[in-house]
Amino acid sequence: MGEKTEFRPGEHAPNNGSYIEIGENDFHMGINNPLKITLKAGECFPETSNHNRKWTKMGNN
């Protein structure tokens, strides 16, 4: 089993890093002006700007 890559608001960040919101079904299409956040391991993900979005880790940081 691999590491989880998408997170919902209220879940805890597995690692320190920067995260970006993505569309629920359109990861490759992208979204306009996605929220970007930086969290430490264990911190909760905040609400997204749209209830159909999730959080994912940005790049290799």
N, C-alpha and C. Protein backbone atom coordinates (compact mmCIF):
# COMPACT_ATOMS: atom_id res chain seq x y z
N MET A 1 0.83 -1.18 0.00
CA MET A 1 0.00 0.00 0.00
C MET A 1 0.88 1.25 0.00
N GLY A 2 0.48 2.23 -0.79
CA GLY A 2 1.22 3.47 -0.86
C GLY A 2 0.68 4.51 0.10
N GLU A 3 1.38 5.62 0.13
CA GLU A 3 0.97 6.73 0.98
C GLU A 3 -0.25 7.43 0.38
N LYS A 4 -1.14 7.85 1.22
CA LYS A 4 -2.33 8.58 0.78
C LYS A 4 -1.89 9.91 0.15
N THR A 5 -2.52 10.30 -0.96
CA THR A 5 -2.08 11.50 -1.67
C THR A 5 -3.12 12.62 -1.69
N GLU A 6 -4.35 12.32 -1.33
CA GLU A 6 -5.40 13.34 -1.30
C GLU A 6 -6.00 13.39 0.09
N PHE A 7 -6.28 14.62 0.56
CA PHE A 7 -6.75 14.80 1.92
C PHE A 7 -7.95 15.72 1.94
N ARG A 8 -8.85 15.47 2.88
CA ARG A 8 -10.05 16.28 3.03
C ARG A 8 -9.84 17.26 4.18
N PRO A 9 -10.58 18.38 4.17
CA PRO A 9 -10.51 19.32 5.30
C PRO A 9 -10.77 18.60 6.61
N GLY A 10 -9.98 18.93 7.63
CA GLY A 10 -10.12 18.30 8.95
C GLY A 10 -9.20 17.12 9.17
N GLU A 11 -8.68 16.53 8.09
CA GLU A 11 -7.71 15.44 8.25
C GLU A 11 -6.36 16.03 8.66
N HIS A 12 -5.50 15.19 9.19
CA HIS A 12 -4.19 15.63 9.64
C HIS A 12 -3.13 15.44 8.56
N ALA A 13 -2.24 16.44 8.43
CA ALA A 13 -1.15 16.35 7.46
C ALA A 13 -0.18 15.25 7.89
N PRO A 14 0.21 14.37 6.97
CA PRO A 14 1.12 13.28 7.34
C PRO A 14 2.57 13.75 7.47
N ASN A 15 2.93 14.82 6.77
CA ASN A 15 4.31 15.31 6.75
C ASN A 15 4.31 16.83 6.69
N ASN A 16 5.47 17.42 7.05
CA ASN A 16 5.65 18.85 6.85
C ASN A 16 5.66 19.11 5.35
N GLY A 17 5.11 20.25 4.94
CA GLY A 17 5.18 20.57 3.53
C GLY A 17 4.13 21.55 3.07
N SER A 18 4.18 21.84 1.78
CA SER A 18 3.23 22.73 1.14
C SER A 18 2.19 21.88 0.42
N TYR A 19 0.95 22.30 0.53
CA TYR A 19 -0.16 21.58 -0.06
C TYR A 19 -0.99 22.54 -0.91
N ILE A 20 -1.65 22.00 -1.92
CA ILE A 20 -2.47 22.79 -2.84
C ILE A 20 -3.80 22.09 -3.01
N GLU A 21 -4.88 22.89 -3.19
CA GLU A 21 -6.18 22.25 -3.40
C GLU A 21 -6.33 21.84 -4.86
N ILE A 22 -6.99 20.72 -5.04
CA ILE A 22 -7.23 20.18 -6.39
C ILE A 22 -8.71 19.87 -6.52
N GLY A 23 -9.18 19.78 -7.76
CA GLY A 23 -10.56 19.38 -8.01
C GLY A 23 -10.74 17.91 -7.69
N GLU A 24 -11.94 17.54 -7.34
CA GLU A 24 -12.21 16.16 -6.91
C GLU A 24 -11.91 15.15 -8.00
N ASN A 25 -12.26 15.45 -9.24
CA ASN A 25 -12.09 14.49 -10.32
C ASN A 25 -11.22 14.99 -11.46
N ASP A 26 -10.63 16.16 -11.33
CA ASP A 26 -9.92 16.74 -12.48
C ASP A 26 -8.50 17.16 -12.14
N PHE A 27 -7.73 16.25 -11.56
CA PHE A 27 -6.35 16.58 -11.16
C PHE A 27 -5.54 17.13 -12.33
N HIS A 28 -5.69 16.57 -13.51
CA HIS A 28 -4.89 16.99 -14.66
C HIS A 28 -5.38 18.29 -15.28
N MET A 29 -6.67 18.59 -15.12
CA MET A 29 -7.23 19.81 -15.69
C MET A 29 -6.83 21.02 -14.86
N GLY A 30 -6.68 20.85 -13.57
CA GLY A 30 -6.35 21.96 -12.71
C GLY A 30 -7.55 22.84 -12.42
N ILE A 31 -7.36 23.82 -11.54
CA ILE A 31 -8.41 24.76 -11.19
C ILE A 31 -7.82 26.16 -11.17
N ASN A 32 -8.66 27.16 -11.33
CA ASN A 32 -8.21 28.54 -11.30
C ASN A 32 -7.96 28.99 -9.86
N ASN A 33 -6.84 29.65 -9.63
CA ASN A 33 -6.49 30.23 -8.33
C ASN A 33 -6.67 29.26 -7.15
N PRO A 34 -6.01 28.11 -7.18
CA PRO A 34 -6.15 27.17 -6.06
C PRO A 34 -5.49 27.72 -4.80
N LEU A 35 -6.06 27.40 -3.64
CA LEU A 35 -5.45 27.79 -2.38
C LEU A 35 -4.17 26.98 -2.17
N LYS A 36 -3.17 27.60 -1.55
CA LYS A 36 -1.91 26.93 -1.24
C LYS A 36 -1.62 27.18 0.24
N ILE A 37 -1.20 26.14 0.94
CA ILE A 37 -0.93 26.24 2.37
C ILE A 37 0.36 25.52 2.73
N THR A 38 0.91 25.84 3.88
CA THR A 38 2.06 25.12 4.43
C THR A 38 1.66 24.61 5.80
N LEU A 39 1.84 23.31 6.00
CA LEU A 39 1.47 22.68 7.27
C LEU A 39 2.64 21.89 7.83
N LYS A 40 2.61 21.70 9.14
CA LYS A 40 3.56 20.81 9.80
C LYS A 40 2.83 19.49 10.03
N ALA A 41 3.58 18.41 10.13
CA ALA A 41 2.98 17.09 10.36
C ALA A 41 2.04 17.14 11.56
N GLY A 42 0.84 16.61 11.39
CA GLY A 42 -0.13 16.55 12.47
C GLY A 42 -1.13 17.70 12.48
N GLU A 43 -0.84 18.79 11.76
CA GLU A 43 -1.78 19.90 11.71
C GLU A 43 -2.97 19.52 10.83
N CYS A 44 -4.12 20.10 11.11
CA CYS A 44 -5.33 19.80 10.34
C CYS A 44 -5.40 20.64 9.07
N PHE A 45 -5.92 20.01 8.02
CA PHE A 45 -6.16 20.74 6.78
C PHE A 45 -7.36 21.66 6.96
N PRO A 46 -7.27 22.90 6.48
CA PRO A 46 -8.40 23.83 6.58
C PRO A 46 -9.45 23.52 5.51
N GLU A 47 -10.56 24.24 5.57
CA GLU A 47 -11.59 24.11 4.55
C GLU A 47 -11.03 24.54 3.20
N THR A 48 -11.50 23.94 2.13
CA THR A 48 -11.12 24.34 0.78
C THR A 48 -12.09 25.44 0.33
N SER A 49 -11.80 26.06 -0.80
CA SER A 49 -12.65 27.14 -1.29
C SER A 49 -13.91 26.61 -1.97
N ASN A 50 -14.01 25.29 -2.13
CA ASN A 50 -15.16 24.66 -2.76
C ASN A 50 -15.31 23.28 -2.13
N HIS A 51 -16.51 22.89 -1.76
CA HIS A 51 -16.70 21.62 -1.04
C HIS A 51 -16.32 20.38 -1.86
N ASN A 52 -16.14 20.52 -3.18
CA ASN A 52 -15.75 19.39 -4.02
C ASN A 52 -14.24 19.24 -4.16
N ARG A 53 -13.47 20.06 -3.48
CA ARG A 53 -12.02 20.03 -3.63
C ARG A 53 -11.35 19.29 -2.47
N LYS A 54 -10.12 18.86 -2.72
CA LYS A 54 -9.31 18.17 -1.73
C LYS A 54 -7.93 18.81 -1.72
N TRP A 55 -7.10 18.39 -0.78
CA TRP A 55 -5.70 18.88 -0.70
C TRP A 55 -4.75 17.79 -1.18
N THR A 56 -3.63 18.20 -1.80
CA THR A 56 -2.57 17.28 -2.19
C THR A 56 -1.23 17.99 -2.00
N LYS A 57 -0.18 17.21 -1.81
CA LYS A 57 1.15 17.79 -1.59
C LYS A 57 1.69 18.41 -2.88
N MET A 58 2.34 19.56 -2.75
CA MET A 58 2.93 20.24 -3.90
C MET A 58 4.37 19.75 -4.10
N GLY A 59 4.73 19.42 -5.30
CA GLY A 59 6.12 19.12 -5.67
C GLY A 59 6.82 18.15 -4.76
N ASN A 60 8.13 18.35 -4.61
CA ASN A 60 8.97 17.45 -3.81
C ASN A 60 9.57 18.17 -2.62
N ASN A 61 8.77 18.87 -1.83
CA ASN A 61 9.33 19.62 -0.70
C ASN A 61 9.10 18.94 0.59
